[in-house]
């Protein structure tokens, strides 16, 4: 016996009205979630956050230190 897959519409029609409404709400949620959000300009409020360390480390040393700091947290 071979089963044929029902379409989404067929499955939803078999549900009671309250569950059909839930499916509709969830589908609308997914559509909104997927909708393109307006792009914002990037913020640079983090810039110069390590200013006090620039005389102590070179940029390469800071990269290594940052890597160490990230792995220390795990």
Foldseek 3Di string as FASTA:
>chain_A
DDDDDDDPVVVLVPDPPVVVVVVVVVVVVVVVVPDDDDDDDDDDPCPCVCVVCVVVDPPVVVVVVVVVVVVVVD
